[in-house]
Amino acid sequence: MRAPPGRFALPLLRRSPWLALLLLGCPQGPLKIAQDSASSGEVDAGDGVPGPGDAGADGGGGDADSGAGGLGPEGDADGDGLTNAQEGSPTGGVSDGRDSDGDGVLDHLDEDSDGDGILDSEEGPDGAGGLRDTDNDDTPDVLDLDSDNDSALDRDEGRDPATGGLRDTDGDGQPDFRDGDSDGDSMLDREESTDGGAYLPDTDGDGTPDIRDLDSDADSLPDQRDGAGDNDGDGVANWRDPRNDGSLDPVTFIAISTPFTQPVGIDFHESSGTVVMSVNYPSGAPYAFETVDADGDHAAFSGMSGLSDEVKIATARSGNTGGFATGELFVGNGVDGQIVRISADGSVATNPWVDLPGENNGLMRGSLYVDPTGVWGGDLLVATTQGELWRVNSAGVPTLVADVGSTHLEGLLAVPDAPVRYGPFSGKALCGAEGEGRLYAISPDGTVEHYVLGVNVEDIDMAWPGENFFGVNFGTSRILGVDGAELAGMAGDILLTQESHGGVGLYRLWWDGSTPRVEELTATSGGPTLGQWEHVTFARAGIKEVPVLPPPSWRF
């Protein structure tokens, strides 16, 4: 850093106060060691010492009470943009003033008056000639060890050791020491900087304190999406709690009043903000897909028709890392190994888009799922009726992941890589095998494990927080919904469905820290008949009696 004019003598003055007194107190002293190169006998311009020709003088001719290096109350002896008076010295001398950090250097000669690692020039001036006081506590930032009053000290928020510059974690142009929410996750720093008396806690132990960690508990859900509530009622805020430990209250199932024509598959169509469904089973005529608006109106989504098989669908959501556009739809066409791709607006259908290599691959009735986790590179995952799991990239290149044998796989989910939350399911694809009563967990390297959980799995989905539940109740041709607020207690957990059941037929699957656990949901009294579940989804959408949720402040 280049020193401002007049600051060349500061290191010497600091090392030798007696010399400083001699130089500043004796008018003739400086003339003996620093003469002006343009005018013999004049002091060097900008040296801050009274005398003829001193460029630091506010009126010239020996009046040195302003300017960098200047003496007097309006001078700026250390060139930090603050006057000597503002920094507690009426004269600018080396023995007149305060020493806030007790380092032996008076504030008006000290680049960092409070010793917090942030230069006075960076935290002091307010741009209008005054002293900045970020938290309005009547202590200016240059003397305030916690300038934004967020309980995180400036010394810990101020400078990035990797770059040497002021830390701005969320890149909003406001340095962390003045930013009440340093990482921009909607959790205030004062909430994230303490935990039961611990200072700057690091909940997940990843080396990044919570005030700078967008996922403080490493549960795969950003703090902003977790929120500050306490869904499981254990006294720990969601953003710091990686698991839901409480049991679920009964939920209210709502029979959507608008009529539907033989629906089978269902998913959230983010680009239109609606639910999209496969309909007109088993003929697929006059069209195979429709979107359903918040008022219950539904209309054909594309010109695709004639799909006569059980049509399970998958859509791409925003944030996909694999190159798929938000709202693209994928489905089987009833032909062995073939996959259809439909554009987000429904105008272009490529049939087939992919024909899996080999023979007897099976149909796509087993389910399709576009990876939102990044574990699978954002690829499309497909589980077939012949026990195969494939991944297909956006260029249409298929790769066989695993073959569990000739078994009908149904239901498919890519689980985020968050061991603290999902235990043995973390980073794997889950596939149900209804006929075997098994749940398969398949790793990207093809390793296969299976679990017997007492559920004959028909479909699998993730209970995303802040989203409503919608499910196809096959046989009654009805869509049943649940207000997402009622499912907050299982937000981020896995939902399993069972086709034939004697109760609700929906099950919460979660990891309690030592073992997988399954809990069947219960329903409030007086609700609709809960028949055969075929396909379910969670959606940031509403239909008729299930209200539209507020626009999210986060991205998926």
Protein backbone atom coordinates (compact mmCIF):
# COMPACT_ATOMS: atom_id res chain seq x y z
CA MET A 1 0.00 0.00 0.00
CA ARG A 2 1.45 3.36 -1.01
CA ALA A 3 1.67 5.73 1.94
CA PRO A 4 -0.22 9.02 1.63
CA PRO A 5 1.89 12.19 1.50
CA GLY A 6 3.39 13.09 4.83
CA ARG A 7 3.31 9.54 6.24
CA PHE A 8 6.92 8.59 5.38
CA ALA A 9 8.07 9.53 8.89
CA LEU A 10 5.43 7.57 10.85
CA PRO A 11 7.38 4.32 11.29
CA LEU A 12 10.35 6.29 12.53
CA LEU A 13 8.17 8.32 14.87
CA ARG A 14 6.59 5.20 16.28
CA ARG A 15 9.92 3.54 16.93
CA SER A 16 11.42 6.60 18.56
CA PRO A 17 8.98 8.89 20.40
CA TRP A 18 11.85 11.04 21.72
CA LEU A 19 13.05 11.62 18.17
CA ALA A 20 9.48 12.44 17.19
CA LEU A 21 9.25 15.05 19.91
CA LEU A 22 12.53 16.52 18.83
CA LEU A 23 11.50 16.69 15.17
CA LEU A 24 8.00 18.01 15.77
CA GLY A 25 8.90 20.28 18.66
CA CYS A 26 11.96 21.95 17.18
CA PRO A 27 11.26 24.20 14.18
CA GLN A 28 14.83 23.92 12.96
CA GLY A 29 15.14 20.15 13.34
CA PRO A 30 13.51 19.12 10.09
CA LEU A 31 15.52 21.70 8.11
CA LYS A 32 18.65 19.80 8.93
CA ILE A 33 17.42 16.46 7.55
CA ALA A 34 14.89 17.18 4.79
CA GLN A 35 15.17 20.23 2.58
CA ASP A 36 12.90 21.05 -0.33
CA SER A 37 14.61 20.08 -3.59
CA ALA A 38 13.16 23.04 -5.47
CA SER A 39 13.80 25.78 -2.93
CA SER A 40 16.84 25.74 -0.74
CA GLY A 41 16.02 26.18 2.94
CA GLU A 42 12.32 25.20 2.76
CA VAL A 43 10.85 22.08 4.40
CA ASP A 44 9.81 19.25 2.12
CA ALA A 45 6.23 19.67 0.86
CA GLY A 46 3.67 17.53 2.66
CA ASP A 47 5.87 16.66 5.66
CA GLY A 48 3.13 17.85 8.03
CA VAL A 49 5.48 20.12 10.00
CA PRO A 50 4.68 23.84 10.29
CA GLY A 51 6.86 25.96 8.06
CA PRO A 52 7.05 27.92 4.83
CA GLY A 53 5.88 26.02 1.77
CA ASP A 54 4.26 23.11 3.65
CA ALA A 55 1.75 21.61 1.19
CA GLY A 56 -0.23 20.15 4.07
CA ALA A 57 -1.15 23.60 5.37
CA ASP A 58 -4.74 24.74 4.94
CA GLY A 59 -3.63 28.29 4.25
CA GLY A 60 0.00 27.75 3.26
CA GLY A 61 2.88 29.64 4.79
CA GLY A 62 3.31 27.63 7.98
CA ASP A 63 -0.33 27.03 8.91
CA ALA A 64 -0.22 23.25 9.10
CA ASP A 65 -3.56 22.21 10.56
CA SER A 66 -5.09 20.27 7.65
CA GLY A 67 -4.23 17.78 4.92
CA ALA A 68 -2.46 14.44 5.02
CA GLY A 69 0.29 14.54 7.60
CA GLY A 70 -0.93 17.91 8.90
CA LEU A 71 -0.94 19.01 12.51
CA GLY A 72 -3.75 20.72 14.36
CA PRO A 73 -7.33 19.54 14.88
CA GLU A 74 -8.24 19.54 11.18
CA GLY A 75 -5.09 17.77 10.06
CA ASP A 76 -4.87 14.08 9.24
CA ALA A 77 -1.59 12.94 10.68
CA ASP A 78 -1.96 9.31 9.61
CA GLY A 79 -3.71 9.96 6.29
CA ASP A 80 -6.70 7.72 6.99
CA GLY A 81 -9.35 10.22 5.92
CA LEU A 82 -10.19 11.21 9.49
CA THR A 83 -9.09 14.44 11.12
CA ASN A 84 -6.86 14.48 14.14
CA ALA A 85 -9.76 15.91 16.14
CA GLN A 86 -12.04 13.07 15.06
CA GLU A 87 -9.41 10.65 16.29
CA GLY A 88 -9.01 12.38 19.64
CA SER A 89 -6.05 14.71 19.15
CA PRO A 90 -6.41 18.51 19.15
CA THR A 91 -2.85 19.10 17.94
CA GLY A 92 -1.78 16.08 15.90
CA GLY A 93 1.33 15.68 18.04
CA VAL A 94 2.78 12.37 19.19
CA SER A 95 1.88 12.88 22.85
CA ASP A 96 -1.56 14.45 22.63
CA GLY A 97 -4.53 12.13 22.05
CA ARG A 98 -6.04 8.75 22.88
CA ASP A 99 -4.82 5.19 22.31
CA SER A 100 -7.97 3.10 21.94
CA ASP A 101 -6.32 -0.28 21.44
CA GLY A 102 -3.52 0.31 23.95
CA ASP A 103 -0.78 -0.52 21.48
CA GLY A 104 1.34 2.51 22.35
CA VAL A 105 0.38 4.41 19.20
CA LEU A 106 -2.13 7.25 19.47
CA ASP A 107 -5.24 6.89 17.32
CA HIS A 108 -4.44 9.81 15.04
CA LEU A 109 -1.11 8.13 14.22
CA ASP A 110 -2.53 4.57 14.17
CA GLU A 111 -3.77 2.96 10.95
CA ASP A 112 -6.05 0.68 13.01
CA SER A 113 -7.21 2.54 16.09
CA ASP A 114 -9.24 -0.28 17.64
CA GLY A 115 -6.87 -3.08 16.62
CA ASP A 116 -9.54 -5.14 14.86
CA GLY A 117 -7.51 -5.78 11.70
CA ILE A 118 -9.55 -3.32 9.62
CA LEU A 119 -7.85 -0.06 8.71
CA ASP A 120 -9.39 3.18 9.92
CA SER A 121 -9.48 4.31 6.30
CA GLU A 122 -11.72 1.30 5.53
CA GLU A 123 -14.15 1.57 8.41
CA GLY A 124 -13.97 5.21 9.46
CA PRO A 125 -15.06 7.84 6.94
CA ASP A 126 -18.75 7.98 6.12
CA GLY A 127 -18.24 9.81 2.83
CA ALA A 128 -19.67 13.05 4.16
CA GLY A 129 -16.82 14.16 6.40
CA GLY A 130 -18.14 12.33 9.44
CA LEU A 131 -17.43 9.11 11.27
CA ARG A 132 -19.32 6.00 10.17
CA ASP A 133 -21.41 4.35 12.91
CA THR A 134 -22.99 1.30 11.30
CA ASP A 135 -25.03 0.12 14.28
CA ASN A 136 -25.89 3.62 15.54
CA ASP A 137 -24.66 2.88 19.03
CA ASP A 138 -22.78 6.22 19.26
CA THR A 139 -19.44 4.41 18.97
CA PRO A 140 -17.92 4.98 15.52
CA ASP A 141 -16.78 1.91 13.60
CA VAL A 142 -13.12 2.86 14.00
CA LEU A 143 -13.55 2.35 17.76
CA ASP A 144 -16.25 -0.33 17.69
CA LEU A 145 -15.13 -3.96 17.94
CA ASP A 146 -18.53 -5.09 16.61
CA SER A 147 -19.52 -2.45 14.10
CA ASP A 148 -22.80 -4.05 13.03
CA ASN A 149 -23.75 -5.30 16.51
CA ASP A 150 -24.27 -8.87 15.28
CA SER A 151 -22.26 -10.52 18.10
CA ALA A 152 -19.52 -11.50 15.66
CA LEU A 153 -16.44 -9.35 16.24
CA ASP A 154 -15.03 -7.24 13.44
CA ARG A 155 -11.68 -9.01 13.75
CA ASP A 156 -13.40 -12.28 12.79
CA GLU A 157 -15.58 -10.81 10.07
CA GLY A 158 -13.22 -8.24 8.63
CA ARG A 159 -10.38 -9.52 6.51
CA ASP A 160 -10.17 -12.55 4.25
CA PRO A 161 -6.81 -14.20 4.99
CA ALA A 162 -6.75 -15.75 1.53
CA THR A 163 -6.90 -12.42 -0.34
CA GLY A 164 -6.04 -9.84 2.31
CA GLY A 165 -9.11 -7.84 1.30
CA LEU A 166 -12.26 -7.13 3.24
CA ARG A 167 -14.46 -10.20 3.44
CA ASP A 168 -17.79 -10.00 1.59
CA THR A 169 -19.14 -13.53 1.84
CA ASP A 170 -22.39 -13.02 -0.05
CA GLY A 171 -20.92 -10.62 -2.63
CA ASP A 172 -23.54 -7.96 -2.00
CA GLY A 173 -21.02 -5.13 -1.85
CA GLN A 174 -21.35 -4.80 1.94
CA PRO A 175 -18.32 -6.11 3.84
CA ASP A 176 -19.16 -8.72 6.46
CA PHE A 177 -18.23 -6.51 9.42
CA ARG A 178 -21.04 -4.14 8.38
CA ASP A 179 -23.45 -6.84 7.11
CA GLY A 180 -26.03 -8.26 9.51
CA ASP A 181 -26.41 -11.34 7.30
CA SER A 182 -22.92 -12.04 5.98
CA ASP A 183 -23.78 -15.11 3.91
CA GLY A 184 -27.15 -13.85 2.66
CA ASP A 185 -29.07 -16.91 3.90
CA SER A 186 -31.78 -14.89 5.68
CA MET A 187 -30.49 -16.08 9.05
CA LEU A 188 -29.09 -13.05 10.88
CA ASP A 189 -25.46 -13.22 11.97
CA ARG A 190 -26.49 -12.55 15.56
CA GLU A 191 -28.49 -15.80 15.42
CA GLU A 192 -25.72 -17.75 13.73
CA SER A 193 -22.79 -16.38 15.76
CA THR A 194 -23.74 -17.94 19.09
CA ASP A 195 -25.05 -21.31 20.21
CA GLY A 196 -25.51 -22.07 23.89
CA GLY A 197 -22.65 -19.74 24.74
CA ALA A 198 -20.31 -20.98 22.01
CA TYR A 199 -18.86 -18.21 19.88
CA LEU A 200 -18.96 -18.52 16.07
CA PRO A 201 -20.28 -22.09 16.09
CA ASP A 202 -19.62 -24.43 13.19
CA THR A 203 -22.61 -26.75 13.43
CA ASP A 204 -21.52 -29.24 10.79
CA GLY A 205 -17.82 -29.09 11.68
CA ASP A 206 -16.73 -28.33 8.12
CA GLY A 207 -14.36 -25.50 9.09
CA THR A 208 -16.73 -22.75 7.98
CA PRO A 209 -18.59 -20.96 10.81
CA ASP A 210 -22.35 -20.79 10.49
CA ILE A 211 -22.28 -17.05 9.74
CA ARG A 212 -20.53 -17.90 6.45
CA ASP A 213 -22.08 -21.33 5.77
CA LEU A 214 -25.12 -21.56 3.48
CA ASP A 215 -25.92 -25.04 4.84
CA SER A 216 -24.93 -24.87 8.48
CA ASP A 217 -26.11 -28.37 9.40
CA ALA A 218 -24.98 -30.13 6.16
CA ASP A 219 -28.45 -31.62 5.62
CA SER A 220 -28.42 -30.67 1.89
CA LEU A 221 -31.11 -28.02 2.41
CA PRO A 222 -29.78 -24.44 2.35
CA ASP A 223 -30.32 -22.52 5.59
CA GLN A 224 -32.58 -20.17 3.69
CA ARG A 225 -34.83 -23.05 2.70
CA ASP A 226 -34.68 -24.73 6.10
CA GLY A 227 -35.82 -21.51 7.74
CA ALA A 228 -35.73 -20.37 11.35
CA GLY A 229 -38.67 -22.49 12.55
CA ASP A 230 -38.50 -25.66 14.61
CA ASN A 231 -40.51 -28.24 12.68
CA ASP A 232 -39.89 -31.14 15.02
CA GLY A 233 -40.26 -29.13 18.22
CA ASP A 234 -36.95 -30.19 19.74
CA GLY A 235 -35.79 -26.67 20.54
CA VAL A 236 -33.25 -26.54 17.70
CA ALA A 237 -33.92 -24.27 14.72
CA ASN A 238 -34.37 -26.04 11.39
CA TRP A 239 -31.29 -24.47 9.81
CA ARG A 240 -29.15 -25.94 12.59
CA ASP A 241 -31.04 -29.25 12.93
CA PRO A 242 -30.16 -31.90 10.30
CA ARG A 243 -32.97 -34.33 11.21
CA ASN A 244 -36.67 -34.29 12.07
CA ASP A 245 -36.97 -36.17 15.36
CA GLY A 246 -40.65 -35.70 16.18
CA SER A 247 -43.70 -37.70 15.14
CA LEU A 248 -46.17 -36.30 12.65
CA ASP A 249 -49.59 -34.90 13.48
CA PRO A 250 -52.56 -36.16 11.44
CA VAL A 251 -52.82 -34.41 8.08
CA THR A 252 -55.90 -33.19 6.23
CA PHE A 253 -56.33 -34.71 2.77
CA ILE A 254 -58.27 -32.57 0.32
CA ALA A 255 -60.09 -34.01 -2.68
CA ILE A 256 -59.52 -31.51 -5.48
CA SER A 257 -62.99 -30.70 -6.79
CA THR A 258 -62.08 -30.28 -10.45
CA PRO A 259 -62.67 -33.49 -12.47
CA PHE A 260 -59.86 -35.38 -14.19
CA THR A 261 -59.87 -38.02 -16.91
CA GLN A 262 -58.04 -41.18 -15.89
CA PRO A 263 -54.84 -39.62 -14.50
CA VAL A 264 -51.75 -41.75 -13.81
CA GLY A 265 -48.51 -39.72 -13.57
CA ILE A 266 -48.00 -36.33 -11.92
CA ASP A 267 -45.13 -33.87 -11.40
CA PHE A 268 -44.43 -30.18 -10.80
CA HIS A 269 -44.01 -28.18 -14.00
CA GLU A 270 -41.90 -25.33 -12.69
CA SER A 271 -41.63 -23.29 -15.87
CA SER A 272 -45.41 -22.75 -15.92
CA GLY A 273 -45.91 -22.88 -12.15
CA THR A 274 -48.49 -25.65 -12.53
CA VAL A 275 -48.91 -29.36 -11.95
CA VAL A 276 -48.53 -31.50 -15.09
CA MET A 277 -50.23 -34.89 -15.41
CA SER A 278 -50.45 -37.87 -17.71
CA VAL A 279 -54.13 -38.51 -18.44
CA ASN A 280 -56.60 -40.49 -20.55
CA TYR A 281 -55.24 -43.84 -19.44
CA PRO A 282 -55.09 -46.37 -21.04
CA SER A 283 -55.62 -44.93 -24.53
CA GLY A 284 -53.69 -41.67 -24.25
CA ALA A 285 -56.27 -40.09 -26.56
CA PRO A 286 -57.03 -37.42 -27.55
CA TYR A 287 -53.90 -36.30 -25.69
CA ALA A 288 -51.57 -37.79 -23.10
CA PHE A 289 -50.61 -34.79 -20.93
CA GLU A 290 -52.25 -31.76 -19.41
CA THR A 291 -51.34 -28.94 -17.05
CA VAL A 292 -53.60 -27.93 -14.18
CA ASP A 293 -53.84 -24.27 -13.17
CA ALA A 294 -54.42 -22.93 -9.68
CA ASP A 295 -58.12 -22.39 -10.45
CA GLY A 296 -58.50 -26.04 -11.47
CA ASP A 297 -58.62 -25.47 -15.21
CA HIS A 298 -56.63 -27.97 -17.19
CA ALA A 299 -55.57 -28.08 -20.80
CA ALA A 300 -53.51 -30.24 -23.14
CA PHE A 301 -49.79 -29.77 -22.55
CA SER A 302 -48.55 -31.11 -25.89
CA GLY A 303 -49.70 -32.83 -29.06
CA MET A 304 -48.35 -36.15 -27.82
CA SER A 305 -51.09 -38.80 -27.81
CA GLY A 306 -51.65 -42.53 -28.00
CA LEU A 307 -49.38 -43.56 -25.12
CA SER A 308 -51.22 -46.64 -23.95
CA ASP A 309 -49.06 -47.77 -21.07
CA GLU A 310 -48.93 -46.60 -17.46
CA VAL A 311 -47.23 -43.27 -18.04
CA LYS A 312 -44.93 -42.08 -15.25
CA ILE A 313 -43.38 -38.69 -15.95
CA ALA A 314 -40.44 -36.57 -14.78
CA THR A 315 -39.72 -32.88 -15.26
CA ALA A 316 -36.55 -30.84 -14.91
CA ARG A 317 -36.45 -28.14 -12.27
CA SER A 318 -34.39 -24.96 -12.09
CA GLY A 319 -30.81 -25.29 -10.98
CA ASN A 320 -30.30 -28.49 -12.93
CA THR A 321 -26.59 -29.03 -13.52
CA GLY A 322 -26.95 -31.50 -16.37
CA GLY A 323 -28.05 -29.16 -19.13
CA PHE A 324 -31.78 -29.87 -19.16
CA ALA A 325 -34.08 -26.86 -19.46
CA THR A 326 -36.51 -26.11 -16.64
CA GLY A 327 -39.86 -27.67 -17.49
CA GLU A 328 -38.67 -30.30 -19.97
CA LEU A 329 -40.69 -33.49 -19.58
CA PHE A 330 -39.56 -37.11 -19.93
CA VAL A 331 -41.68 -40.22 -20.27
CA GLY A 332 -41.68 -43.76 -21.63
CA ASN A 333 -43.73 -44.49 -24.75
CA GLY A 334 -44.74 -48.08 -24.06
CA VAL A 335 -42.00 -49.54 -26.23
CA ASP A 336 -39.16 -51.53 -24.67
CA GLY A 337 -36.27 -49.24 -23.68
CA GLN A 338 -37.61 -46.07 -25.33
CA ILE A 339 -37.78 -42.60 -23.74
CA VAL A 340 -39.62 -39.52 -25.02
CA ARG A 341 -38.40 -35.94 -24.47
CA ILE A 342 -40.88 -33.04 -24.64
CA SER A 343 -39.86 -29.37 -24.63
CA ALA A 344 -40.79 -27.13 -21.71
CA ASP A 345 -43.62 -25.46 -23.65
CA GLY A 346 -44.91 -28.79 -24.98
CA SER A 347 -44.42 -27.79 -28.60
CA VAL A 348 -41.71 -30.30 -29.52
CA ALA A 349 -41.82 -34.00 -28.70
CA THR A 350 -38.93 -36.26 -29.69
CA ASN A 351 -40.25 -39.82 -29.83
CA PRO A 352 -38.10 -41.69 -29.20
CA TRP A 353 -35.37 -39.46 -27.88
CA VAL A 354 -33.38 -42.40 -26.47
CA ASP A 355 -33.57 -46.11 -27.25
CA LEU A 356 -31.60 -47.97 -24.61
CA PRO A 357 -29.00 -50.34 -26.07
CA GLY A 358 -29.66 -54.07 -25.96
CA GLU A 359 -32.94 -55.92 -25.71
CA ASN A 360 -35.48 -56.61 -23.00
CA ASN A 361 -34.56 -53.45 -21.08
CA GLY A 362 -38.10 -53.03 -19.86
CA LEU A 363 -40.58 -50.17 -19.93
CA MET A 364 -40.33 -46.81 -18.18
CA ARG A 365 -43.30 -47.60 -15.96
CA GLY A 366 -40.71 -47.96 -13.23
CA SER A 367 -40.39 -44.15 -13.02
CA LEU A 368 -38.09 -41.42 -14.26
CA TYR A 369 -36.41 -38.70 -12.23
CA VAL A 370 -34.24 -35.71 -13.18
CA ASP A 371 -31.40 -35.47 -10.65
CA PRO A 372 -31.54 -32.19 -8.68
CA THR A 373 -28.75 -33.15 -6.27
CA GLY A 374 -25.70 -33.03 -8.55
CA VAL A 375 -24.64 -36.48 -7.34
CA TRP A 376 -25.64 -37.88 -10.72
CA GLY A 377 -24.45 -34.85 -12.68
CA GLY A 378 -28.00 -33.61 -13.23
CA ASP A 379 -28.73 -36.61 -15.48
CA LEU A 380 -32.11 -38.21 -16.11
CA LEU A 381 -32.44 -41.44 -14.13
CA VAL A 382 -34.75 -44.19 -15.39
CA ALA A 383 -35.81 -47.37 -13.60
CA THR A 384 -37.35 -50.07 -15.78
CA THR A 385 -39.80 -52.93 -15.38
CA GLN A 386 -36.90 -55.35 -15.94
CA GLY A 387 -34.83 -54.20 -12.97
CA GLU A 388 -32.43 -51.86 -14.75
CA LEU A 389 -31.30 -48.42 -13.60
CA TRP A 390 -29.92 -46.10 -16.28
CA ARG A 391 -28.64 -42.57 -16.33
CA VAL A 392 -29.04 -40.46 -19.46
CA ASN A 393 -27.26 -37.14 -20.00
CA SER A 394 -28.75 -34.15 -21.80
CA ALA A 395 -27.08 -35.24 -25.04
CA GLY A 396 -29.10 -38.45 -24.92
CA VAL A 397 -26.20 -40.76 -24.05
CA PRO A 398 -27.37 -43.63 -21.79
CA THR A 399 -25.21 -45.46 -19.24
CA LEU A 400 -26.31 -48.59 -17.41
CA VAL A 401 -25.78 -48.14 -13.68
CA ALA A 402 -27.09 -51.43 -12.31
CA ASP A 403 -29.25 -54.45 -13.11
CA VAL A 404 -30.92 -56.03 -10.08
CA GLY A 405 -32.50 -58.84 -12.09
CA SER A 406 -35.88 -59.30 -13.65
CA THR A 407 -37.88 -57.37 -11.13
CA HIS A 408 -40.36 -54.58 -11.68
CA LEU A 409 -38.78 -51.43 -10.23
CA GLU A 410 -41.30 -48.76 -9.27
CA GLY A 411 -40.61 -45.38 -7.77
CA LEU A 412 -37.34 -43.53 -8.16
CA LEU A 413 -35.55 -40.82 -6.19
CA ALA A 414 -32.03 -39.33 -6.20
CA VAL A 415 -31.08 -38.70 -2.57
CA PRO A 416 -28.78 -35.76 -1.75
CA ASP A 417 -25.28 -36.53 -0.51
CA ALA A 418 -25.87 -35.64 3.15
CA PRO A 419 -24.88 -38.56 5.41
CA VAL A 420 -25.90 -36.76 8.61
CA ARG A 421 -29.46 -36.63 7.31
CA TYR A 422 -29.90 -39.65 5.07
CA GLY A 423 -27.43 -42.16 6.50
CA PRO A 424 -27.06 -45.22 4.20
CA PHE A 425 -29.32 -43.66 1.54
CA SER A 426 -27.11 -40.59 1.13
CA GLY A 427 -25.97 -39.94 -2.44
CA LYS A 428 -27.81 -42.96 -3.83
CA ALA A 429 -30.78 -43.66 -6.07
CA LEU A 430 -33.72 -45.33 -4.34
CA CYS A 431 -35.93 -47.71 -6.31
CA GLY A 432 -38.94 -49.62 -5.02
CA ALA A 433 -39.75 -53.21 -5.87
CA GLU A 434 -43.39 -53.63 -4.95
CA GLY A 435 -43.54 -57.34 -5.73
CA GLU A 436 -40.55 -58.09 -3.51
CA GLY A 437 -41.30 -55.71 -0.67
CA ARG A 438 -37.82 -54.27 -1.10
CA LEU A 439 -36.28 -50.83 -1.37
CA TYR A 440 -33.11 -50.81 -3.46
CA ALA A 441 -30.35 -48.25 -2.79
CA ILE A 442 -27.99 -47.95 -5.76
CA SER A 443 -24.73 -45.98 -5.78
CA PRO A 444 -23.42 -44.18 -8.88
CA ASP A 445 -20.69 -46.85 -9.12
CA GLY A 446 -23.35 -49.56 -9.43
CA THR A 447 -23.18 -50.92 -5.89
CA VAL A 448 -26.60 -52.29 -4.91
CA GLU A 449 -28.05 -52.67 -1.41
CA HIS A 450 -31.62 -53.48 -0.45
CA TYR A 451 -33.82 -52.90 2.59
CA VAL A 452 -37.01 -54.55 3.78
CA LEU A 453 -38.99 -51.82 5.53
CA GLY A 454 -42.47 -53.28 5.60
CA VAL A 455 -43.66 -51.12 2.68
CA ASN A 456 -44.49 -52.40 -0.80
CA VAL A 457 -43.19 -49.30 -2.53
CA GLU A 458 -45.19 -47.92 -5.45
CA ASP A 459 -43.65 -44.44 -5.68
CA ILE A 460 -40.97 -42.37 -3.93
CA ASP A 461 -40.58 -38.62 -3.58
CA MET A 462 -38.84 -36.01 -1.44
CA ALA A 463 -40.96 -33.93 0.92
CA TRP A 464 -39.46 -30.61 -0.07
CA PRO A 465 -40.14 -27.84 2.47
CA GLY A 466 -42.57 -25.15 1.39
CA GLU A 467 -44.27 -27.33 -1.22
CA ASN A 468 -47.76 -28.81 -1.38
CA PHE A 469 -48.40 -32.53 -1.78
CA PHE A 470 -50.44 -33.87 -4.70
CA GLY A 471 -51.13 -37.52 -5.44
CA VAL A 472 -53.02 -39.46 -8.08
CA ASN A 473 -55.64 -41.62 -6.40
CA PHE A 474 -56.02 -44.17 -9.17
CA GLY A 475 -59.43 -45.80 -9.54
CA THR A 476 -61.30 -42.76 -8.29
CA SER A 477 -59.61 -40.53 -10.91
CA ARG A 478 -59.18 -37.94 -8.23
CA ILE A 479 -56.23 -35.80 -7.22
CA LEU A 480 -55.75 -35.51 -3.48
CA GLY A 481 -53.73 -32.71 -1.97
CA VAL A 482 -52.25 -31.66 1.36
CA ASP A 483 -51.27 -28.12 2.31
CA GLY A 484 -47.48 -28.18 2.59
CA ALA A 485 -47.62 -26.46 5.98
CA GLU A 486 -49.15 -29.62 7.46
CA LEU A 487 -46.14 -31.65 6.32
CA ALA A 488 -43.51 -29.33 7.79
CA GLY A 489 -42.62 -31.99 10.35
CA MET A 490 -41.20 -34.20 7.59
CA ALA A 491 -39.67 -31.48 5.44
CA GLY A 492 -36.58 -32.87 3.73
CA ASP A 493 -37.54 -36.49 4.51
CA ILE A 494 -38.40 -39.23 2.02
CA LEU A 495 -41.99 -40.17 1.20
CA LEU A 496 -42.89 -43.74 0.22
CA THR A 497 -46.28 -44.70 -1.20
CA GLN A 498 -48.01 -48.07 -1.20
CA GLU A 499 -50.62 -48.93 -3.80
CA SER A 500 -52.83 -51.21 -1.69
CA HIS A 501 -53.15 -50.39 1.97
CA GLY A 502 -55.47 -50.47 4.95
CA GLY A 503 -54.64 -47.02 6.27
CA VAL A 504 -53.24 -43.92 4.61
CA GLY A 505 -50.69 -45.67 2.40
CA LEU A 506 -48.11 -42.87 2.70
CA TYR A 507 -44.97 -43.42 4.75
CA ARG A 508 -42.24 -41.16 6.02
CA LEU A 509 -38.74 -42.66 5.71
CA TRP A 510 -35.91 -41.03 7.65
CA TRP A 511 -32.57 -41.75 9.28
CA ASP A 512 -32.56 -41.26 13.04
CA GLY A 513 -28.76 -41.20 13.28
CA SER A 514 -28.36 -44.96 13.73
CA THR A 515 -31.06 -46.76 11.76
CA PRO A 516 -33.63 -46.18 9.00
CA ARG A 517 -37.14 -45.63 10.36
CA VAL A 518 -40.55 -45.73 8.73
CA GLU A 519 -43.73 -44.06 9.99
CA GLU A 520 -47.11 -44.22 8.27
CA LEU A 521 -48.90 -40.91 8.05
CA THR A 522 -52.31 -40.55 9.69
CA ALA A 523 -55.29 -38.59 8.46
CA THR A 524 -57.71 -36.29 10.21
CA SER A 525 -61.26 -37.56 10.44
CA GLY A 526 -63.91 -36.83 7.85
CA GLY A 527 -61.57 -36.71 4.86
CA PRO A 528 -61.92 -38.34 1.44
CA THR A 529 -61.39 -42.01 0.72
CA LEU A 530 -57.71 -42.76 0.31
CA GLY A 531 -57.63 -45.35 -2.42
CA GLN A 532 -54.85 -46.65 -4.63
CA TRP A 533 -51.85 -44.32 -4.83
CA GLU A 534 -50.24 -44.36 -8.26
CA HIS A 535 -47.90 -41.39 -8.54
CA VAL A 536 -47.22 -38.42 -6.21
CA THR A 537 -45.31 -35.13 -6.24
CA PHE A 538 -44.46 -32.08 -4.17
CA ALA A 539 -45.01 -28.79 -5.94
CA ARG A 540 -44.78 -25.04 -5.46
CA ALA A 541 -48.24 -24.80 -6.99
CA GLY A 542 -51.85 -24.81 -5.91
CA ILE A 543 -55.02 -26.39 -7.29
CA LYS A 544 -58.46 -25.17 -6.23
CA GLU A 545 -58.83 -26.03 -2.53
CA VAL A 546 -55.06 -26.33 -2.00
CA PRO A 547 -53.77 -22.74 -2.03
CA VAL A 548 -50.86 -21.44 -4.06
CA LEU A 549 -47.82 -20.99 -1.84
CA PRO A 550 -46.06 -17.61 -1.57
CA PRO A 551 -43.24 -17.06 -4.08
CA PRO A 552 -40.04 -18.58 -2.68
CA SER A 553 -37.05 -16.43 -1.76
CA TRP A 554 -34.76 -19.34 -2.53
CA ARG A 555 -33.91 -21.34 -5.61
CA PHE A 556 -34.38 -25.07 -5.83
